[in-house]
Amino acid sequence: MTETETPSRCLENRAILVTGAGDGLGRAASLAFARHGAEVILLGRTVSKLEAVYDEIVALGAPTPAVYPMDLAGASVRDFQDVAGTIGARIGHLEGLLHSAAALELLTPLAFHPPEDWERTLRVNLTAPFLLTQACLPLLKAAGRGTVIFTTDECAIRPKGYWGAYGASKAALNNLAFMWAKELSDTQMRVHVLDPGPARTGMRLRTHPGAPLSAWPLPDALMPVYVQLMNPDTPVTDQVVSAAEWLTGDSQAEARTGTASAP
């Protein structure tokens, strides 16, 4: 699948909230959604990065985005409720939510994992997606075919040593996402779990400093999958969607993404 195969305005009139929008895959997804007509709400902790993405979207001639600075690690329940309240008051609707923000401080044996890093990582990777989805759920349900995409990792399915809180949080996130899907199966909501695989991001460079850059695709190369999953016409699946399999046309991946019923 290539991005040209996706309808050019398939996200028109849809408001989409993206966490981790200032960098990496979140930044690339924000730009891709905007190119396809979406009004993007950029959520992240670094204002300067969010403003840079804002400027890029405006330069595209896409719908004017919104910027919402927030540090997920320190956000309270009320902070997440305020996000949803602000979107409802200023935009009036929300059709999509992409959980792209992630914390991975270091790879280390569990015996030496700093407790403060453990708690922060679980807060960003697991608790924040739960609280933000919960807060935005009324808006997403009101939209009809609202879509939520949770971003997972291979280590969530195949546990690896040294991945610590990141691996544990992603495994729990998978279960959280599929619980949401089951509980929303009698609605028009769509819940997807996406494994983008390795990509040329700052996080990947930190965890694999010796690997050649050419071994990983740029974030932009993965965006056809993000756009298609955010497209309300794409049916849900009861399995993790692998970006690599989808982009290479793997037959089993195609079958999985054609599953019509929620898990």
Protein backbone atom coordinates (compact mmCIF):
# COMPACT_ATOMS: atom_id res chain seq x y z
CA MET A 1 0.00 0.00 0.00
CA THR A 2 1.19 3.49 -0.76
CA GLU A 3 -0.16 6.79 0.49
CA THR A 4 -1.38 7.60 -3.00
CA GLU A 5 -3.80 4.68 -2.71
CA THR A 6 -5.49 6.35 0.25
CA PRO A 7 -8.28 8.80 -0.66
CA SER A 8 -6.67 12.23 -0.59
CA ARG A 9 -9.33 13.76 1.66
CA CYS A 10 -10.32 10.67 3.64
CA LEU A 11 -9.87 12.52 6.97
CA GLU A 12 -11.63 15.72 5.97
CA ASN A 13 -13.83 17.29 8.67
CA ARG A 14 -12.32 15.00 11.29
CA ALA A 15 -10.55 16.34 14.36
CA ILE A 16 -7.68 14.10 15.51
CA LEU A 17 -5.74 14.36 18.76
CA VAL A 18 -2.12 13.16 18.54
CA THR A 19 0.08 12.65 21.59
CA GLY A 20 3.83 12.90 21.17
CA ALA A 21 3.12 15.18 18.21
CA GLY A 22 6.35 17.15 18.41
CA ASP A 23 8.72 14.41 17.38
CA GLY A 24 9.24 11.12 15.57
CA LEU A 25 6.22 9.10 14.56
CA GLY A 26 3.80 11.48 16.26
CA ARG A 27 5.10 14.40 14.23
CA ALA A 28 4.97 12.43 10.98
CA ALA A 29 1.44 11.22 11.72
CA SER A 30 0.24 14.74 12.51
CA LEU A 31 1.51 15.95 9.16
CA ALA A 32 0.05 12.96 7.32
CA PHE A 33 -3.37 13.38 8.92
CA ALA A 34 -3.33 17.08 8.05
CA ARG A 35 -2.44 16.32 4.41
CA HIS A 36 -5.53 14.14 4.25
CA GLY A 37 -7.81 16.89 5.50
CA ALA A 38 -7.86 16.44 9.28
CA GLU A 39 -7.85 19.18 11.89
CA VAL A 40 -5.04 18.01 14.15
CA ILE A 41 -4.65 18.74 17.86
CA LEU A 42 -0.94 18.57 18.65
CA LEU A 43 -0.24 17.37 22.20
CA GLY A 44 3.29 17.16 23.58
CA ARG A 45 5.54 18.47 26.30
CA THR A 46 7.90 20.69 24.27
CA VAL A 47 6.24 23.86 23.03
CA SER A 48 8.93 24.74 20.50
CA LYS A 49 8.58 21.35 18.78
CA LEU A 50 4.80 21.61 18.68
CA GLU A 51 5.04 25.10 17.21
CA ALA A 52 7.40 23.82 14.51
CA VAL A 53 4.88 21.12 13.52
CA TYR A 54 2.11 23.72 13.62
CA ASP A 55 4.05 25.86 11.15
CA GLU A 56 4.65 22.88 8.85
CA ILE A 57 0.94 22.06 8.78
CA VAL A 58 -0.04 25.67 8.08
CA ALA A 59 2.51 25.75 5.25
CA LEU A 60 0.76 22.75 3.69
CA GLY A 61 -2.46 24.74 3.42
CA ALA A 62 -4.14 22.12 5.61
CA PRO A 63 -6.76 22.91 8.28
CA THR A 64 -5.23 25.05 11.03
CA PRO A 65 -4.10 22.77 13.87
CA ALA A 66 -4.34 23.38 17.60
CA VAL A 67 -1.47 23.13 20.08
CA TYR A 68 -1.92 21.64 23.55
CA PRO A 69 1.30 21.48 25.62
CA MET A 70 1.24 18.77 28.30
CA ASP A 71 3.75 16.61 30.14
CA LEU A 72 2.00 13.24 30.37
CA ALA A 73 4.29 12.10 33.17
CA GLY A 74 3.04 14.80 35.52
CA ALA A 75 -0.53 15.21 34.31
CA SER A 76 -3.41 14.71 36.74
CA VAL A 77 -6.82 13.21 36.11
CA ARG A 78 -8.18 16.76 35.94
CA ASP A 79 -5.58 17.69 33.30
CA PHE A 80 -6.82 14.94 31.00
CA GLN A 81 -10.40 15.99 31.58
CA ASP A 82 -9.42 19.56 30.72
CA VAL A 83 -7.98 18.37 27.38
CA ALA A 84 -11.31 16.83 26.43
CA GLY A 85 -13.22 19.84 27.75
CA THR A 86 -11.10 22.27 25.76
CA ILE A 87 -11.52 20.26 22.55
CA GLY A 88 -15.26 20.11 23.08
CA ALA A 89 -15.53 23.83 23.76
CA ARG A 90 -13.19 25.11 21.03
CA ILE A 91 -13.54 22.54 18.25
CA GLY A 92 -16.84 20.93 19.12
CA HIS A 93 -16.01 17.41 17.99
CA LEU A 94 -13.29 14.74 18.08
CA GLU A 95 -13.13 11.82 15.64
CA GLY A 96 -9.67 10.40 16.24
CA LEU A 97 -7.07 9.81 18.94
CA LEU A 98 -3.55 8.55 18.27
CA HIS A 99 -1.50 7.51 21.28
CA SER A 100 2.04 8.00 19.96
CA ALA A 101 3.85 9.43 22.99
CA ALA A 102 6.16 6.98 24.74
CA ALA A 103 8.83 6.99 27.41
CA LEU A 104 11.93 4.82 27.30
CA GLU A 105 14.69 6.13 29.51
CA LEU A 106 17.18 3.26 29.33
CA LEU A 107 17.69 -0.44 28.73
CA THR A 108 18.77 -2.08 31.96
CA PRO A 109 18.40 -5.31 33.97
CA LEU A 110 15.29 -5.32 36.13
CA ALA A 111 17.50 -5.77 39.18
CA PHE A 112 18.95 -2.31 38.59
CA HIS A 113 15.92 -0.53 37.12
CA PRO A 114 15.57 2.86 38.87
CA PRO A 115 12.15 2.90 40.59
CA GLU A 116 11.50 6.51 39.59
CA ASP A 117 12.07 5.69 35.91
CA TRP A 118 9.79 2.67 36.24
CA GLU A 119 6.94 4.78 37.61
CA ARG A 120 7.41 7.56 35.04
CA THR A 121 7.48 5.12 32.13
CA LEU A 122 4.28 3.37 33.22
CA ARG A 123 2.65 6.76 33.75
CA VAL A 124 3.41 7.92 30.19
CA ASN A 125 2.98 4.62 28.35
CA LEU A 126 0.00 3.10 30.17
CA THR A 127 -1.79 5.36 32.64
CA ALA A 128 -1.88 8.41 30.37
CA PRO A 129 -3.41 6.53 27.40
CA PHE A 130 -6.05 5.09 29.73
CA LEU A 131 -6.95 8.43 31.30
CA LEU A 132 -6.91 10.34 28.02
CA THR A 133 -9.07 7.77 26.23
CA GLN A 134 -11.50 7.75 29.14
CA ALA A 135 -11.73 11.55 29.13
CA CYS A 136 -12.20 11.77 25.35
CA LEU A 137 -14.59 8.84 25.03
CA PRO A 138 -17.81 10.89 25.12
CA LEU A 139 -16.57 13.05 22.24
CA LEU A 140 -15.34 10.06 20.26
CA LYS A 141 -18.61 8.16 20.72
CA ALA A 142 -20.61 11.24 19.76
CA ALA A 143 -18.63 11.41 16.52
CA GLY A 144 -20.07 8.08 15.40
CA ARG A 145 -17.17 6.23 13.84
CA GLY A 146 -14.54 7.57 16.21
CA THR A 147 -11.12 5.92 16.01
CA VAL A 148 -8.45 5.28 18.66
CA ILE A 149 -5.01 3.96 17.73
CA PHE A 150 -2.74 2.58 20.44
CA THR A 151 0.95 2.26 19.52
CA THR A 152 2.61 -0.94 20.67
CA ASP A 153 5.99 -2.63 20.22
CA GLU A 154 7.29 -6.09 19.38
CA CYS A 155 8.59 -6.49 22.93
CA ALA A 156 4.99 -6.40 24.17
CA ILE A 157 4.30 -9.67 22.36
CA ARG A 158 7.72 -11.31 22.63
CA PRO A 159 9.27 -10.31 25.98
CA LYS A 160 12.94 -9.39 25.81
CA GLY A 161 15.45 -8.92 28.58
CA TYR A 162 16.47 -5.40 29.60
CA TRP A 163 13.41 -3.62 28.22
CA GLY A 164 12.12 -3.07 31.75
CA ALA A 165 9.20 -0.73 32.33
CA TYR A 166 8.87 0.03 28.61
CA GLY A 167 8.29 -3.63 27.73
CA ALA A 168 5.95 -4.16 30.68
CA SER A 169 3.94 -1.04 29.88
CA LYS A 170 3.52 -1.95 26.22
CA ALA A 171 2.35 -5.47 27.10
CA ALA A 172 -0.22 -3.97 29.47
CA LEU A 173 -1.19 -1.38 26.83
CA ASN A 174 -2.07 -4.16 24.38
CA ASN A 175 -4.46 -5.66 26.92
CA LEU A 176 -5.90 -2.24 27.71
CA ALA A 177 -6.53 -1.52 24.04
CA PHE A 178 -8.25 -4.82 23.36
CA MET A 179 -10.37 -4.41 26.50
CA TRP A 180 -11.51 -1.04 25.13
CA ALA A 181 -12.29 -2.75 21.83
CA LYS A 182 -14.41 -5.45 23.46
CA GLU A 183 -16.30 -2.96 25.60
CA LEU A 184 -17.00 -0.74 22.59
CA SER A 185 -17.90 -3.55 20.19
CA ASP A 186 -21.58 -2.59 20.28
CA THR A 187 -20.80 0.95 19.11
CA GLN A 188 -19.41 2.42 15.90
CA MET A 189 -16.07 3.07 17.59
CA ARG A 190 -12.89 1.67 16.10
CA VAL A 191 -9.93 0.64 18.23
CA HIS A 192 -6.66 -0.38 16.56
CA VAL A 193 -3.37 -1.60 18.00
CA LEU A 194 -0.46 -0.69 15.73
CA ASP A 195 3.11 -1.93 15.86
CA PRO A 196 5.04 0.50 13.63
CA GLY A 197 8.20 -1.59 13.95
CA PRO A 198 11.67 -0.03 13.97
CA ALA A 199 11.86 3.46 12.52
CA ARG A 200 14.48 6.17 12.33
CA THR A 201 13.47 8.05 15.46
CA GLY A 202 15.34 9.51 18.40
CA MET A 203 14.19 6.68 20.65
CA ARG A 204 15.50 4.05 18.26
CA LEU A 205 18.84 5.81 18.03
CA ARG A 206 19.13 5.74 21.84
CA THR A 207 18.32 2.05 22.14
CA HIS A 208 20.33 0.86 19.12
CA PRO A 209 23.27 3.27 18.83
CA GLY A 210 25.46 0.89 16.84
CA ALA A 211 22.98 -0.02 14.11
CA PRO A 212 23.22 1.64 10.68
CA LEU A 213 20.63 4.34 10.02
CA SER A 214 19.79 2.81 6.65
CA ALA A 215 18.45 -0.28 8.45
CA TRP A 216 15.32 1.60 9.55
CA PRO A 217 12.68 3.42 7.50
CA LEU A 218 11.99 7.09 8.02
CA PRO A 219 8.74 7.77 9.92
CA ASP A 220 7.14 9.17 6.75
CA ALA A 221 7.42 5.76 5.07
CA LEU A 222 5.05 4.26 7.66
CA MET A 223 2.36 6.89 7.38
CA PRO A 224 0.12 5.12 4.83
CA VAL A 225 -0.70 2.64 7.58
CA TYR A 226 -1.48 5.38 10.11
CA VAL A 227 -3.74 7.20 7.67
CA GLN A 228 -5.57 4.05 6.64
CA LEU A 229 -6.20 2.98 10.23
CA MET A 230 -7.48 6.46 11.08
CA ASN A 231 -9.79 6.32 8.05
CA PRO A 232 -13.28 5.60 9.46
CA ASP A 233 -13.97 3.19 6.60
CA THR A 234 -11.24 0.80 7.78
CA PRO A 235 -12.70 -2.12 9.76
CA VAL A 236 -11.28 -3.09 13.13
CA THR A 237 -9.22 -6.20 13.77
CA ASP A 238 -8.70 -8.43 16.78
CA GLN A 239 -4.92 -8.55 16.31
CA VAL A 240 -1.99 -6.19 16.41
CA VAL A 241 -1.50 -4.50 13.03
CA SER A 242 2.10 -4.71 11.87
CA ALA A 243 3.12 -1.76 9.72
CA ALA A 244 5.89 -3.78 8.07
CA GLU A 245 3.52 -6.60 7.08
CA TRP A 246 0.87 -4.19 5.85
CA LEU A 247 3.30 -2.19 3.72
CA THR A 248 4.83 -5.29 2.17
CA GLY A 249 1.41 -6.71 1.36
CA ASP A 250 1.67 -9.73 3.65
CA SER A 251 -1.43 -11.83 2.94
CA GLN A 252 -2.12 -12.60 6.60
CA ALA A 253 -1.84 -8.93 7.49
CA GLU A 254 -4.36 -8.11 4.78
CA ALA A 255 -6.71 -10.73 6.18
CA ARG A 256 -6.35 -9.40 9.71
CA THR A 257 -7.12 -5.85 8.70
CA GLY A 258 -10.23 -7.06 6.92
CA THR A 259 -11.83 -8.44 10.07
CA ALA A 260 -15.13 -6.63 10.32
CA SER A 261 -16.08 -7.18 13.93
CA ALA A 262 -14.52 -5.69 17.03
CA PRO A 263 -12.55 -8.15 19.21
